[in-house]
Amino acid sequence: MPFRHVVMFEFADHVPDDYADQVRAALDALPSQISQIRSYVHGDDAGLADGNWDYVLVADFDSADDYVTYRDHPIHQQMISDTIVGNLANRASVQYRYGK
């Protein structure tokens, strides 16, 4: 059954103005390196409403097992360590099965 991972980031106050571009570049590199990713859509908030999070990622996988492989993949973990850790004020995520 298809499986979806959604994560939202609120950037820390100290990040540079181009931090969203850094996140985008780091995330863009992952689908070609982690074969379990079926769909990978992400971007920064459009700024149309107050109180929104700064960045969102929606990733689809064929199964929960494929998500776990992605989650624990050394390339993904390295990207988190290099790009995300220490640069967030908050993070929220959810994983769920969808479809039939």
N, C-alpha and C. Protein backbone atom coordinates (compact mmCIF):
# COMPACT_ATOMS: atom_id res chain seq x y z
N MET A 1 0.85 -1.18 0.00
CA MET A 1 0.00 0.00 0.00
C MET A 1 0.90 1.25 0.00
N PRO A 2 0.58 2.23 -0.82
CA PRO A 2 1.40 3.45 -0.87
C PRO A 2 1.52 4.11 0.51
N PHE A 3 2.65 4.73 0.71
CA PHE A 3 2.99 5.31 2.01
C PHE A 3 3.55 6.71 1.80
N ARG A 4 3.07 7.65 2.60
CA ARG A 4 3.48 9.06 2.46
C ARG A 4 4.13 9.58 3.74
N HIS A 5 5.15 10.39 3.53
CA HIS A 5 5.88 11.06 4.61
C HIS A 5 5.78 12.56 4.34
N VAL A 6 5.28 13.30 5.34
CA VAL A 6 5.16 14.75 5.23
C VAL A 6 5.93 15.36 6.40
N VAL A 7 6.80 16.31 6.10
CA VAL A 7 7.57 16.97 7.16
C VAL A 7 7.55 18.47 6.90
N MET A 8 7.37 19.24 7.98
CA MET A 8 7.38 20.70 7.90
C MET A 8 8.49 21.22 8.80
N PHE A 9 9.15 22.25 8.30
CA PHE A 9 10.25 22.86 9.03
C PHE A 9 9.93 24.32 9.34
N GLU A 10 10.27 24.72 10.55
CA GLU A 10 10.31 26.14 10.92
C GLU A 10 11.79 26.46 11.16
N PHE A 11 12.32 27.35 10.35
CA PHE A 11 13.74 27.66 10.43
C PHE A 11 14.07 28.47 11.68
N ALA A 12 15.25 28.26 12.20
CA ALA A 12 15.75 29.05 13.34
C ALA A 12 16.03 30.47 12.87
N ASP A 13 16.00 31.40 13.80
CA ASP A 13 16.22 32.81 13.48
C ASP A 13 17.60 33.08 12.90
N HIS A 14 18.59 32.25 13.26
CA HIS A 14 19.97 32.53 12.85
C HIS A 14 20.32 32.07 11.44
N VAL A 15 19.42 31.35 10.75
CA VAL A 15 19.80 30.82 9.43
C VAL A 15 19.93 31.97 8.43
N PRO A 16 20.81 31.81 7.43
CA PRO A 16 20.99 32.86 6.43
C PRO A 16 19.77 32.98 5.51
N ASP A 17 19.68 34.08 4.81
CA ASP A 17 18.55 34.33 3.92
C ASP A 17 18.40 33.27 2.84
N ASP A 18 19.50 32.65 2.45
CA ASP A 18 19.45 31.64 1.39
C ASP A 18 19.30 30.22 1.93
N TYR A 19 18.91 30.07 3.18
CA TYR A 19 18.82 28.74 3.76
C TYR A 19 17.81 27.85 3.03
N ALA A 20 16.67 28.40 2.62
CA ALA A 20 15.70 27.59 1.87
C ALA A 20 16.32 27.04 0.60
N ASP A 21 17.17 27.82 -0.04
CA ASP A 21 17.86 27.34 -1.25
C ASP A 21 18.82 26.19 -0.91
N GLN A 22 19.46 26.27 0.24
CA GLN A 22 20.35 25.19 0.67
C GLN A 22 19.56 23.90 0.94
N VAL A 23 18.42 24.05 1.60
CA VAL A 23 17.57 22.89 1.88
C VAL A 23 17.08 22.30 0.56
N ARG A 24 16.62 23.15 -0.34
CA ARG A 24 16.12 22.68 -1.63
C ARG A 24 17.19 21.88 -2.38
N ALA A 25 18.39 22.40 -2.45
CA ALA A 25 19.47 21.72 -3.16
C ALA A 25 19.79 20.37 -2.50
N ALA A 26 19.82 20.34 -1.18
CA ALA A 26 20.13 19.10 -0.47
C ALA A 26 19.04 18.05 -0.71
N LEU A 27 17.79 18.48 -0.66
CA LEU A 27 16.69 17.54 -0.89
C LEU A 27 16.61 17.09 -2.35
N ASP A 28 16.88 18.01 -3.27
CA ASP A 28 16.84 17.65 -4.69
C ASP A 28 17.81 16.54 -5.04
N ALA A 29 18.89 16.42 -4.30
CA ALA A 29 19.90 15.40 -4.60
C ALA A 29 19.48 13.99 -4.18
N LEU A 30 18.53 13.87 -3.28
CA LEU A 30 18.23 12.56 -2.69
C LEU A 30 17.53 11.56 -3.63
N PRO A 31 16.53 11.96 -4.42
CA PRO A 31 15.84 10.94 -5.23
C PRO A 31 16.74 10.15 -6.17
N SER A 32 17.77 10.75 -6.70
CA SER A 32 18.66 10.01 -7.60
C SER A 32 19.60 9.07 -6.84
N GLN A 33 19.65 9.22 -5.52
CA GLN A 33 20.57 8.41 -4.71
C GLN A 33 19.86 7.37 -3.84
N ILE A 34 18.55 7.52 -3.68
CA ILE A 34 17.78 6.59 -2.84
C ILE A 34 16.62 6.07 -3.67
N SER A 35 16.74 4.85 -4.14
CA SER A 35 15.79 4.31 -5.13
C SER A 35 14.39 4.08 -4.58
N GLN A 36 14.22 4.04 -3.29
CA GLN A 36 12.90 3.78 -2.71
C GLN A 36 11.95 4.98 -2.86
N ILE A 37 12.47 6.16 -3.14
CA ILE A 37 11.62 7.36 -3.28
C ILE A 37 10.85 7.26 -4.59
N ARG A 38 9.52 7.37 -4.51
CA ARG A 38 8.67 7.35 -5.70
C ARG A 38 8.29 8.76 -6.14
N SER A 39 8.04 9.62 -5.20
CA SER A 39 7.71 11.02 -5.50
C SER A 39 8.30 11.87 -4.38
N TYR A 40 8.83 13.04 -4.75
CA TYR A 40 9.52 13.88 -3.77
C TYR A 40 9.24 15.32 -4.15
N VAL A 41 8.31 15.93 -3.44
CA VAL A 41 7.89 17.30 -3.73
C VAL A 41 8.14 18.13 -2.48
N HIS A 42 8.78 19.27 -2.66
CA HIS A 42 9.10 20.11 -1.51
C HIS A 42 9.25 21.56 -1.96
N GLY A 43 9.12 22.47 -0.98
CA GLY A 43 9.30 23.88 -1.31
C GLY A 43 9.07 24.76 -0.10
N ASP A 44 9.44 26.03 -0.27
CA ASP A 44 9.25 26.98 0.82
C ASP A 44 7.86 27.58 0.74
N ASP A 45 7.39 28.07 1.88
CA ASP A 45 6.06 28.63 2.00
C ASP A 45 5.90 29.82 1.06
N ALA A 46 4.73 29.94 0.46
CA ALA A 46 4.43 31.01 -0.49
C ALA A 46 4.18 32.35 0.19
N GLY A 47 4.05 32.35 1.52
CA GLY A 47 3.89 33.61 2.24
C GLY A 47 2.51 34.21 2.14
N LEU A 48 1.49 33.40 1.92
CA LEU A 48 0.13 33.91 1.75
C LEU A 48 -0.66 33.98 3.04
N ALA A 49 -0.14 33.38 4.11
CA ALA A 49 -0.85 33.38 5.39
C ALA A 49 0.16 33.46 6.52
N ASP A 50 -0.17 34.23 7.54
CA ASP A 50 0.67 34.32 8.72
C ASP A 50 0.65 33.01 9.49
N GLY A 51 1.75 32.69 10.13
CA GLY A 51 1.80 31.52 11.00
C GLY A 51 2.14 30.23 10.30
N ASN A 52 2.34 30.24 8.99
CA ASN A 52 2.71 29.01 8.28
C ASN A 52 4.14 28.61 8.61
N TRP A 53 4.44 27.35 8.38
CA TRP A 53 5.79 26.84 8.52
C TRP A 53 6.62 27.34 7.33
N ASP A 54 7.93 27.25 7.43
CA ASP A 54 8.81 27.80 6.41
C ASP A 54 9.00 26.89 5.20
N TYR A 55 8.99 25.58 5.40
CA TYR A 55 9.33 24.65 4.32
C TYR A 55 8.58 23.35 4.54
N VAL A 56 8.22 22.68 3.44
CA VAL A 56 7.51 21.40 3.54
C VAL A 56 8.08 20.41 2.53
N LEU A 57 8.03 19.14 2.92
CA LEU A 57 8.42 18.03 2.05
C LEU A 57 7.30 17.00 2.08
N VAL A 58 6.91 16.50 0.90
CA VAL A 58 5.96 15.40 0.79
C VAL A 58 6.65 14.33 -0.05
N ALA A 59 6.87 13.18 0.56
CA ALA A 59 7.57 12.08 -0.11
C ALA A 59 6.69 10.84 -0.12
N ASP A 60 6.63 10.18 -1.28
CA ASP A 60 5.83 8.97 -1.42
C ASP A 60 6.73 7.76 -1.65
N PHE A 61 6.28 6.63 -1.09
CA PHE A 61 7.00 5.37 -1.16
C PHE A 61 6.01 4.26 -1.48
N ASP A 62 6.50 3.14 -1.97
CA ASP A 62 5.62 2.01 -2.26
C ASP A 62 5.12 1.33 -1.00
N SER A 63 5.85 1.48 0.10
CA SER A 63 5.48 0.78 1.34
C SER A 63 6.11 1.47 2.54
N ALA A 64 5.63 1.10 3.71
CA ALA A 64 6.23 1.61 4.95
C ALA A 64 7.67 1.13 5.06
N ASP A 65 7.95 -0.09 4.61
CA ASP A 65 9.33 -0.59 4.65
C ASP A 65 10.25 0.28 3.80
N ASP A 66 9.78 0.71 2.63
CA ASP A 66 10.59 1.58 1.78
C ASP A 66 10.84 2.93 2.46
N TYR A 67 9.82 3.44 3.16
CA TYR A 67 10.02 4.67 3.92
C TYR A 67 11.12 4.49 4.97
N VAL A 68 11.08 3.39 5.70
CA VAL A 68 12.07 3.14 6.75
C VAL A 68 13.47 3.04 6.14
N THR A 69 13.57 2.39 4.98
CA THR A 69 14.86 2.32 4.30
C THR A 69 15.36 3.73 3.98
N TYR A 70 14.49 4.58 3.45
CA TYR A 70 14.83 5.98 3.17
C TYR A 70 15.21 6.72 4.45
N ARG A 71 14.38 6.59 5.47
CA ARG A 71 14.60 7.29 6.74
C ARG A 71 15.98 6.99 7.31
N ASP A 72 16.37 5.73 7.23
CA ASP A 72 17.62 5.29 7.83
C ASP A 72 18.80 5.29 6.86
N HIS A 73 18.55 5.63 5.61
CA HIS A 73 19.60 5.57 4.59
C HIS A 73 20.75 6.50 4.96
N PRO A 74 22.00 6.05 4.85
CA PRO A 74 23.14 6.88 5.25
C PRO A 74 23.23 8.21 4.49
N ILE A 75 22.83 8.24 3.23
CA ILE A 75 22.87 9.50 2.48
C ILE A 75 21.84 10.48 3.04
N HIS A 76 20.64 9.99 3.35
CA HIS A 76 19.61 10.83 3.96
C HIS A 76 20.07 11.33 5.33
N GLN A 77 20.61 10.43 6.13
CA GLN A 77 21.08 10.81 7.47
C GLN A 77 22.21 11.84 7.39
N GLN A 78 23.08 11.71 6.42
CA GLN A 78 24.17 12.68 6.25
C GLN A 78 23.62 14.04 5.85
N MET A 79 22.62 14.06 4.95
CA MET A 79 21.99 15.32 4.56
C MET A 79 21.37 16.01 5.78
N ILE A 80 20.69 15.24 6.61
CA ILE A 80 20.09 15.81 7.82
C ILE A 80 21.18 16.41 8.71
N SER A 81 22.23 15.66 8.92
CA SER A 81 23.33 16.13 9.76
C SER A 81 23.99 17.39 9.20
N ASP A 82 24.22 17.40 7.89
CA ASP A 82 24.91 18.53 7.26
C ASP A 82 24.05 19.77 7.09
N THR A 83 22.75 19.59 6.86
CA THR A 83 21.91 20.71 6.43
C THR A 83 20.84 21.11 7.44
N ILE A 84 20.28 20.15 8.15
CA ILE A 84 19.10 20.41 8.97
C ILE A 84 19.44 20.63 10.45
N VAL A 85 20.24 19.75 11.01
CA VAL A 85 20.53 19.80 12.44
C VAL A 85 21.12 21.15 12.83
N GLY A 86 20.53 21.75 13.86
CA GLY A 86 20.99 23.03 14.38
C GLY A 86 20.42 24.24 13.67
N ASN A 87 19.59 24.01 12.65
CA ASN A 87 19.06 25.12 11.87
C ASN A 87 17.54 25.26 11.95
N LEU A 88 16.92 24.49 12.84
CA LEU A 88 15.46 24.52 12.95
C LEU A 88 15.01 25.03 14.31
N ALA A 89 13.91 25.75 14.30
CA ALA A 89 13.23 26.11 15.54
C ALA A 89 12.23 25.01 15.90
N ASN A 90 11.61 24.41 14.86
CA ASN A 90 10.62 23.35 15.06
C ASN A 90 10.58 22.46 13.83
N ARG A 91 10.13 21.23 14.06
CA ARG A 91 9.91 20.27 12.99
C ARG A 91 8.67 19.47 13.34
N ALA A 92 7.84 19.23 12.36
CA ALA A 92 6.66 18.38 12.55
C ALA A 92 6.60 17.41 11.37
N SER A 93 6.19 16.17 11.66
CA SER A 93 6.07 15.21 10.57
C SER A 93 4.94 14.23 10.85
N VAL A 94 4.52 13.59 9.77
CA VAL A 94 3.50 12.53 9.86
C VAL A 94 3.78 11.56 8.72
N GLN A 95 3.50 10.29 8.98
CA GLN A 95 3.59 9.27 7.97
C GLN A 95 2.25 8.53 7.96
N TYR A 96 1.77 8.18 6.74
CA TYR A 96 0.49 7.50 6.67
C TYR A 96 0.36 6.70 5.37
N ARG A 97 -0.47 5.67 5.44
CA ARG A 97 -0.81 4.88 4.26
C ARG A 97 -1.96 5.58 3.54
N TYR A 98 -1.98 5.47 2.21
CA TYR A 98 -3.07 6.08 1.45
C TYR A 98 -3.39 5.21 0.25
N GLY A 99 -4.54 5.45 -0.33
CA GLY A 99 -4.94 4.69 -1.51
C GLY A 99 -5.41 3.28 -1.13
N LYS A 100 -5.42 2.46 -2.14
CA LYS A 100 -5.90 1.08 -1.94
C LYS A 100 -4.84 0.08 -2.23
